[in-house]
C-alpha atoms as a PDB file:
ATOM      1  CA  MET A   1      64.663  73.682  82.571  1.00  0.00           C
ATOM      2  CA  PRO A   2      64.531  75.577  79.266  1.00  0.00           C
ATOM      3  CA  PHE A   3      65.693  79.168  79.250  1.00  0.00           C
ATOM      4  CA  LYS A   4      64.277  82.049  77.321  1.00  0.00           C
ATOM      5  CA  THR A   5      67.162  83.731  75.547  1.00  0.00           C
ATOM      6  CA  ARG A   6      67.833  87.162  74.118  1.00  0.00           C
ATOM      7  CA  ILE A   7      70.851  88.193  72.038  1.00  0.00           C
ATOM      8  CA  THR A   8      71.791  91.883  72.015  1.00  0.00           C
ATOM      9  CA  ASP A   9      74.695  94.016  70.802  1.00  0.00           C
ATOM     10  CA  ALA A  10      75.715  91.400  68.220  1.00  0.00           C
ATOM     11  CA  ARG A  11      78.610  92.406  65.975  1.00  0.00           C
ATOM     12  CA  HIS A  12      81.452  90.878  64.009  1.00  0.00           C
ATOM     13  CA  ASN A  13      84.952  91.838  65.099  1.00  0.00           C
ATOM     14  CA  ALA A  14      87.055  91.732  61.935  1.00  0.00           C
ATOM     15  CA  GLU A  15      90.292  91.915  63.925  1.00  0.00           C
ATOM     16  CA  THR A  16      89.611  88.718  65.881  1.00  0.00           C
ATOM     17  CA  GLY A  17      87.320  87.048  63.317  1.00  0.00           C
ATOM     18  CA  CYS A  18      84.646  86.502  65.986  1.00  0.00           C
ATOM     19  CA  PHE A  19      81.025  87.360  66.470  1.00  0.00           C
ATOM     20  CA  GLU A  20      80.545  89.081  69.824  1.00  0.00           C
ATOM     21  CA  ALA A  21      77.258  89.552  71.670  1.00  0.00           C
ATOM     22  CA  HIS A  22      75.524  89.816  75.010  1.00  0.00           C
ATOM     23  CA  VAL A  23      73.334  86.775  75.625  1.00  0.00           C
ATOM     24  CA  THR A  24      70.685  86.975  78.341  1.00  0.00           C
ATOM     25  CA  LEU A  25      69.346  83.747  79.791  1.00  0.00           C
ATOM     26  CA  MET A  26      65.990  84.213  81.530  1.00  0.00           C
ATOM     27  CA  GLU A  27      64.764  81.620  83.985  1.00  0.00           C
ATOM     28  CA  GLY A  28      61.581  82.396  85.888  1.00  0.00           C
ATOM     29  CA  THR A  29      62.063  85.859  87.355  1.00  0.00           C
ATOM     30  CA  GLU A  30      65.871  85.855  87.103  1.00  0.00           C
ATOM     31  CA  SER A  31      68.017  87.077  84.211  1.00  0.00           C
ATOM     32  CA  PHE A  32      71.699  86.353  83.629  1.00  0.00           C
ATOM     33  CA  THR A  33      73.634  88.212  80.906  1.00  0.00           C
ATOM     34  CA  TYR A  34      76.932  86.963  79.486  1.00  0.00           C
ATOM     35  CA  SER A  35      79.353  88.551  77.021  1.00  0.00           C
ATOM     36  CA  VAL A  36      80.295  85.796  74.603  1.00  0.00           C
ATOM     37  CA  GLU A  37      82.166  85.422  71.345  1.00  0.00           C
ATOM     38  CA  CYS A  38      82.143  82.827  68.622  1.00  0.00           C
ATOM     39  CA  PRO A  39      84.840  82.515  65.948  1.00  0.00           C
ATOM     40  CA  ALA A  40      83.188  82.521  62.529  1.00  0.00           C
ATOM     41  CA  PRO A  41      83.518  84.339  59.193  1.00  0.00           C
ATOM     42  CA  ILE A  42      81.270  87.335  58.637  1.00  0.00           C
ATOM     43  CA  ASP A  43      79.214  85.513  55.980  1.00  0.00           C
ATOM     44  CA  SER A  44      78.246  82.659  58.354  1.00  0.00           C
ATOM     45  CA  ASP A  45      74.669  81.478  58.614  1.00  0.00           C
ATOM     46  CA  THR A  46      72.805  83.664  61.127  1.00  0.00           C
ATOM     47  CA  ASP A  47      70.965  80.774  62.783  1.00  0.00           C
ATOM     48  CA  GLU A  48      74.221  78.855  63.309  1.00  0.00           C
ATOM     49  CA  VAL A  49      75.940  81.880  64.846  1.00  0.00           C
ATOM     50  CA  GLN A  50      72.987  82.540  67.164  1.00  0.00           C
ATOM     51  CA  ALA A  51      72.923  78.906  68.278  1.00  0.00           C
ATOM     52  CA  ALA A  52      76.674  78.962  68.939  1.00  0.00           C
ATOM     53  CA  LEU A  53      76.446  82.185  70.968  1.00  0.00           C
ATOM     54  CA  VAL A  54      73.596  80.809  73.097  1.00  0.00           C
ATOM     55  CA  ALA A  55      75.443  77.507  73.605  1.00  0.00           C
ATOM     56  CA  ARG A  56      78.527  79.372  74.839  1.00  0.00           C
ATOM     57  CA  ALA A  57      76.436  81.431  77.277  1.00  0.00           C
ATOM     58  CA  ARG A  58      74.766  78.275  78.606  1.00  0.00           C
ATOM     59  CA  ARG A  59      78.165  76.631  79.165  1.00  0.00           C
ATOM     60  CA  ARG A  60      79.236  79.646  81.247  1.00  0.00           C
ATOM     61  CA  HIS A  61      75.988  79.723  83.213  1.00  0.00           C
ATOM     62  CA  ARG A  62      76.509  78.853  86.877  1.00  0.00           C
ATOM     63  CA  PRO A  63      73.798  80.584  88.923  1.00  0.00           C
ATOM     64  CA  ALA A  64      75.340  79.611  92.263  1.00  0.00           C
ATOM     65  CA  GLU A  65      78.488  81.596  91.398  1.00  0.00           C
ATOM     66  CA  CYS A  66      76.685  84.765  90.276  1.00  0.00           C
ATOM     67  CA  ARG A  67      77.005  87.687  92.625  1.00  0.00           C
ATOM     68  CA  LEU A  68      74.709  90.006  90.697  1.00  0.00           C
ATOM     69  CA  VAL A  69      71.360  88.701  89.524  1.00  0.00           C
ATOM     70  CA  ARG A  70      68.549  90.672  87.968  1.00  0.00           C
ATOM     71  CA  ARG A  71      65.118  89.754  89.295  1.00  0.00           C
ATOM     72  CA  ARG A  72      61.758  90.961  88.020  1.00  0.00           C
ATOM     73  CA  VAL A  73      59.343  92.079  90.689  1.00  0.00           C
ATOM     74  CA  ALA A  74      55.634  91.712  90.091  1.00  0.00           C
ATOM     75  CA  THR A  75      53.926  95.081  90.409  1.00  0.00           C
ATOM     76  CA  PRO A  76      50.186  95.324  90.855  1.00  0.00           C
ATOM     77  CA  LEU A  77      48.245  96.824  87.986  1.00  0.00           C
ATOM     78  CA  PRO A  78      46.295  99.996  88.681  1.00  0.00           C
ATOM     79  CA  ASP A  79      42.594  99.711  89.366  1.00  0.00           C
ATOM     80  CA  ARG A  80      40.979  99.603  85.921  1.00  0.00           C
ATOM     81  CA  GLN A  81      37.661 100.862  87.352  1.00  0.00           C
ATOM     82  CA  GLU A  82      39.129 104.315  87.881  1.00  0.00           C
ATOM     83  CA  ASP A  83      37.998 106.828  85.285  1.00  0.00           C
ATOM     84  CA  ILE A  84      41.315 107.917  83.792  1.00  0.00           C
ATOM     85  CA  SER A  85      39.769 110.713  81.720  1.00  0.00           C
ATOM     86  CA  ARG A  86      38.217 112.253  84.872  1.00  0.00           C
ATOM     87  CA  ARG A  87      41.572 112.091  86.647  1.00  0.00           C
ATOM     88  CA  ILE A  88      43.257 113.889  83.737  1.00  0.00           C
ATOM     89  CA  LEU A  89      40.591 116.603  83.649  1.00  0.00           C
ATOM     90  CA  ASP A  90      40.832 117.125  87.413  1.00  0.00           C
ATOM     91  CA  ALA A  91      44.622 117.377  87.352  1.00  0.00           C
ATOM     92  CA  ARG A  92      46.200 120.755  88.033  1.00  0.00           C
ATOM     93  CA  PRO A  93      46.895 122.793  86.036  1.00  0.00           C
ATOM     94  CA  ASN A  94      43.771 122.042  84.007  1.00  0.00           C
ATOM     95  CA  TYR A  95      44.891 123.024  80.515  1.00  0.00           C
ATOM     96  CA  LEU A  96      41.532 122.240  78.919  1.00  0.00           C
ATOM     97  CA  GLU A  97      39.788 124.667  81.258  1.00  0.00           C
ATOM     98  CA  GLN A  98      42.407 127.334  80.568  1.00  0.00           C
ATOM     99  CA  ILE A  99      41.935 126.986  76.806  1.00  0.00           C
ATOM    100  CA  LEU A 100      38.125 127.071  76.991  1.00  0.00           C
ATOM    101  CA  THR A 101      37.993 130.135  79.254  1.00  0.00           C
ATOM    102  CA  ARG A 102      40.387 132.328  77.242  1.00  0.00           C
ATOM    103  CA  HIS A 103      38.975 135.618  76.023  1.00  0.00           C
END
């Protein structure tokens, strides 16, 4: 099954000569984030480095061994029929009323 992927916190470590990043693999409602590194010079092609980082995260991916998994929970959307402007005007304190009734 194909994963959606996201690469964050990417940087080049000059001391080790590696690109380092957090790669998140998203499958359905579950997300798995891996810290990976890829040895490459700083002037490497961006697409090649991204592909290598994702490939390394996929090699490390073993969902059965993960103890901590992030799951998205579907939350119901609020009723769109509700008049939001009326709710704001009726909220306390009613700042609009205070401004209009100042002397």
